[in-house]
Amino acid sequence: MLTLSKRYLELEQAAHRGTGGVSSENRHLGFVPAFMDTRTGKVYGSTFADGRPAAFHLLDGLPDELVVARDRYGRPSQVVGSVISGFTLDGRFYTREQAAAQVSRSEAYSDSLAH
């Protein structure tokens, strides 16, 4: 079974850097890092283990039933493969690609107003 791991999140971030598909590039528009279990459709905000919202993607706050492996400190290191990373905005889940497209549209609109 495929899993979403901390390492995979790092690779995703590197792949989407510069597109608007990472937290630091879309936060100004109100995007919040989140995960979705594609099996159930349930969306989980990215949080620290104690429930505080995280400004980036962290596996720490995901429920135990999604966790398939933990590191030596007990922190989640892999979750089930049906979980994907993305963002929420105004109650809607966006994949990284959808968020990037929204950032691009927003920037294009802003540029058109400036000219």
C-alpha atoms as a PDB file:
ATOM      1  CA  MET A   1       0.000   0.000   0.000  1.00  0.00           C
ATOM      2  CA  LEU A   2       1.300   3.458  -0.883  1.00  0.00           C
ATOM      3  CA  THR A   3       1.599   5.993   1.901  1.00  0.00           C
ATOM      4  CA  LEU A   4       2.016   9.728   2.289  1.00  0.00           C
ATOM      5  CA  SER A   5       5.254  10.344   4.172  1.00  0.00           C
ATOM      6  CA  LYS A   6       7.153  13.292   5.577  1.00  0.00           C
ATOM      7  CA  ARG A   7       9.717  12.811   2.806  1.00  0.00           C
ATOM      8  CA  TYR A   8       6.995  12.819   0.136  1.00  0.00           C
ATOM      9  CA  LEU A   9       5.692  16.120   1.541  1.00  0.00           C
ATOM     10  CA  GLU A  10       9.193  17.576   1.156  1.00  0.00           C
ATOM     11  CA  LEU A  11       9.346  16.382  -2.456  1.00  0.00           C
ATOM     12  CA  GLU A  12       5.884  17.818  -3.175  1.00  0.00           C
ATOM     13  CA  GLN A  13       6.894  21.148  -1.743  1.00  0.00           C
ATOM     14  CA  ALA A  14      10.043  21.247  -3.853  1.00  0.00           C
ATOM     15  CA  ALA A  15       8.064  20.316  -6.974  1.00  0.00           C
ATOM     16  CA  HIS A  16       5.473  23.052  -6.394  1.00  0.00           C
ATOM     17  CA  ARG A  17       7.811  25.818  -5.251  1.00  0.00           C
ATOM     18  CA  GLY A  18       7.337  28.884  -7.427  1.00  0.00           C
ATOM     19  CA  THR A  19       3.850  27.851  -8.584  1.00  0.00           C
ATOM     20  CA  GLY A  20       1.700  29.041  -5.683  1.00  0.00           C
ATOM     21  CA  GLY A  21       1.178  25.440  -4.567  1.00  0.00           C
ATOM     22  CA  VAL A  22       3.079  25.847  -1.290  1.00  0.00           C
ATOM     23  CA  SER A  23       1.961  27.560   1.907  1.00  0.00           C
ATOM     24  CA  SER A  24       4.439  30.433   1.788  1.00  0.00           C
ATOM     25  CA  GLU A  25       3.218  31.382  -1.698  1.00  0.00           C
ATOM     26  CA  ASN A  26      -0.540  31.257  -1.152  1.00  0.00           C
ATOM     27  CA  ARG A  27      -1.039  32.184   2.512  1.00  0.00           C
ATOM     28  CA  HIS A  28      -1.576  35.853   1.567  1.00  0.00           C
ATOM     29  CA  LEU A  29      -4.748  34.815  -0.265  1.00  0.00           C
ATOM     30  CA  GLY A  30      -6.093  32.965   2.775  1.00  0.00           C
ATOM     31  CA  PHE A  31      -5.135  29.395   1.877  1.00  0.00           C
ATOM     32  CA  VAL A  32      -4.617  27.139   4.899  1.00  0.00           C
ATOM     33  CA  PRO A  33      -2.574  23.903   4.660  1.00  0.00           C
ATOM     34  CA  ALA A  34      -4.757  20.812   4.946  1.00  0.00           C
ATOM     35  CA  PHE A  35      -5.099  17.157   4.053  1.00  0.00           C
ATOM     36  CA  MET A  36      -7.967  15.230   2.531  1.00  0.00           C
ATOM     37  CA  ASP A  37      -8.681  11.533   2.845  1.00  0.00           C
ATOM     38  CA  THR A  38      -9.819  10.798  -0.702  1.00  0.00           C
ATOM     39  CA  ARG A  39     -11.468   7.595   0.511  1.00  0.00           C
ATOM     40  CA  THR A  40     -13.875   9.398   2.833  1.00  0.00           C
ATOM     41  CA  GLY A  41     -13.717  12.982   1.547  1.00  0.00           C
ATOM     42  CA  LYS A  42     -12.926  14.184   5.067  1.00  0.00           C
ATOM     43  CA  VAL A  43     -10.645  17.218   5.288  1.00  0.00           C
ATOM     44  CA  TYR A  44      -8.193  17.807   8.131  1.00  0.00           C
ATOM     45  CA  GLY A  45      -6.437  21.074   8.802  1.00  0.00           C
ATOM     46  CA  SER A  46      -2.689  20.791   9.247  1.00  0.00           C
ATOM     47  CA  THR A  47      -1.998  21.019  12.968  1.00  0.00           C
ATOM     48  CA  PHE A  48       0.669  20.369  15.519  1.00  0.00           C
ATOM     49  CA  ALA A  49       0.127  17.342  17.766  1.00  0.00           C
ATOM     50  CA  ASP A  50      -1.508  19.582  20.392  1.00  0.00           C
ATOM     51  CA  GLY A  51      -4.091  20.841  17.889  1.00  0.00           C
ATOM     52  CA  ARG A  52      -2.611  24.272  17.182  1.00  0.00           C
ATOM     53  CA  PRO A  53      -2.887  25.201  13.494  1.00  0.00           C
ATOM     54  CA  ALA A  54       0.345  24.767  11.547  1.00  0.00           C
ATOM     55  CA  ALA A  55       1.405  27.239   8.855  1.00  0.00           C
ATOM     56  CA  PHE A  56       2.698  24.366   6.700  1.00  0.00           C
ATOM     57  CA  HIS A  57       1.928  20.695   6.093  1.00  0.00           C
ATOM     58  CA  LEU A  58       2.537  18.536   9.171  1.00  0.00           C
ATOM     59  CA  LEU A  59       1.371  14.963   9.662  1.00  0.00           C
ATOM     60  CA  ASP A  60       1.418  15.405  13.457  1.00  0.00           C
ATOM     61  CA  GLY A  61      -2.244  16.352  13.935  1.00  0.00           C
ATOM     62  CA  LEU A  62      -3.804  13.676  11.744  1.00  0.00           C
ATOM     63  CA  PRO A  63      -5.955  11.097  13.541  1.00  0.00           C
ATOM     64  CA  ASP A  64      -4.407   7.801  14.640  1.00  0.00           C
ATOM     65  CA  GLU A  65      -6.565   5.780  12.248  1.00  0.00           C
ATOM     66  CA  LEU A  66      -4.735   7.395   9.305  1.00  0.00           C
ATOM     67  CA  VAL A  67      -1.231   6.880  10.705  1.00  0.00           C
ATOM     68  CA  VAL A  68       0.628   3.781   9.480  1.00  0.00           C
ATOM     69  CA  ALA A  69       4.128   4.543  10.830  1.00  0.00           C
ATOM     70  CA  ARG A  70       5.736   6.726  13.487  1.00  0.00           C
ATOM     71  CA  ASP A  71       9.295   7.936  13.966  1.00  0.00           C
ATOM     72  CA  ARG A  72      11.382   7.142  17.036  1.00  0.00           C
ATOM     73  CA  TYR A  73       9.783  10.101  18.857  1.00  0.00           C
ATOM     74  CA  GLY A  74       6.259   8.821  18.242  1.00  0.00           C
ATOM     75  CA  ARG A  75       5.425  11.438  15.616  1.00  0.00           C
ATOM     76  CA  PRO A  76       3.577  10.286  12.491  1.00  0.00           C
ATOM     77  CA  SER A  77       6.005   9.647   9.640  1.00  0.00           C
ATOM     78  CA  GLN A  78       3.597   7.979   7.201  1.00  0.00           C
ATOM     79  CA  VAL A  79      -0.162   8.026   6.718  1.00  0.00           C
ATOM     80  CA  VAL A  80      -2.439   5.955   4.502  1.00  0.00           C
ATOM     81  CA  GLY A  81      -2.092   6.514   0.782  1.00  0.00           C
ATOM     82  CA  SER A  82      -5.629   7.860   0.399  1.00  0.00           C
ATOM     83  CA  VAL A  83      -4.509  11.064   2.159  1.00  0.00           C
ATOM     84  CA  ILE A  84      -3.375  13.936  -0.064  1.00  0.00           C
ATOM     85  CA  SER A  85      -1.988  17.325   0.846  1.00  0.00           C
ATOM     86  CA  GLY A  86      -3.584  20.561  -0.238  1.00  0.00           C
ATOM     87  CA  PHE A  87      -5.239  23.638   1.189  1.00  0.00           C
ATOM     88  CA  THR A  88      -8.566  24.958   2.340  1.00  0.00           C
ATOM     89  CA  LEU A  89      -9.970  28.325   1.370  1.00  0.00           C
ATOM     90  CA  ASP A  90     -13.449  29.506   2.301  1.00  0.00           C
ATOM     91  CA  GLY A  91     -14.441  25.993   3.396  1.00  0.00           C
ATOM     92  CA  ARG A  92     -13.339  24.299   0.176  1.00  0.00           C
ATOM     93  CA  PHE A  93     -10.420  21.895  -0.307  1.00  0.00           C
ATOM     94  CA  TYR A  94      -7.907  22.653  -3.057  1.00  0.00           C
ATOM     95  CA  THR A  95      -5.190  20.310  -4.267  1.00  0.00           C
ATOM     96  CA  ARG A  96      -1.750  21.871  -4.631  1.00  0.00           C
ATOM     97  CA  GLU A  97      -2.367  22.187  -8.366  1.00  0.00           C
ATOM     98  CA  GLN A  98      -5.758  23.853  -7.869  1.00  0.00           C
ATOM     99  CA  ALA A  99      -4.290  26.276  -5.326  1.00  0.00           C
ATOM    100  CA  ALA A 100      -1.460  27.117  -7.739  1.00  0.00           C
ATOM    101  CA  ALA A 101      -3.995  27.827 -10.486  1.00  0.00           C
ATOM    102  CA  GLN A 102      -5.993  30.064  -8.146  1.00  0.00           C
ATOM    103  CA  VAL A 103      -2.838  31.977  -7.160  1.00  0.00           C
ATOM    104  CA  SER A 104      -1.964  32.410 -10.830  1.00  0.00           C
ATOM    105  CA  ARG A 105      -5.458  33.750 -11.632  1.00  0.00           C
ATOM    106  CA  SER A 106      -5.332  36.092  -8.655  1.00  0.00           C
ATOM    107  CA  GLU A 107      -1.925  37.445  -9.659  1.00  0.00           C
ATOM    108  CA  ALA A 108      -3.042  37.876 -13.272  1.00  0.00           C
ATOM    109  CA  TYR A 109      -6.105  39.798 -12.058  1.00  0.00           C
ATOM    110  CA  SER A 110      -3.949  41.992  -9.820  1.00  0.00           C
ATOM    111  CA  ASP A 111      -1.585  42.674 -12.714  1.00  0.00           C
ATOM    112  CA  SER A 112      -4.502  43.676 -14.959  1.00  0.00           C
ATOM    113  CA  LEU A 113      -5.678  46.185 -12.357  1.00  0.00           C
ATOM    114  CA  ALA A 114      -2.208  47.698 -12.110  1.00  0.00           C
ATOM    115  CA  HIS A 115      -2.068  48.472 -15.819  1.00  0.00           C
END
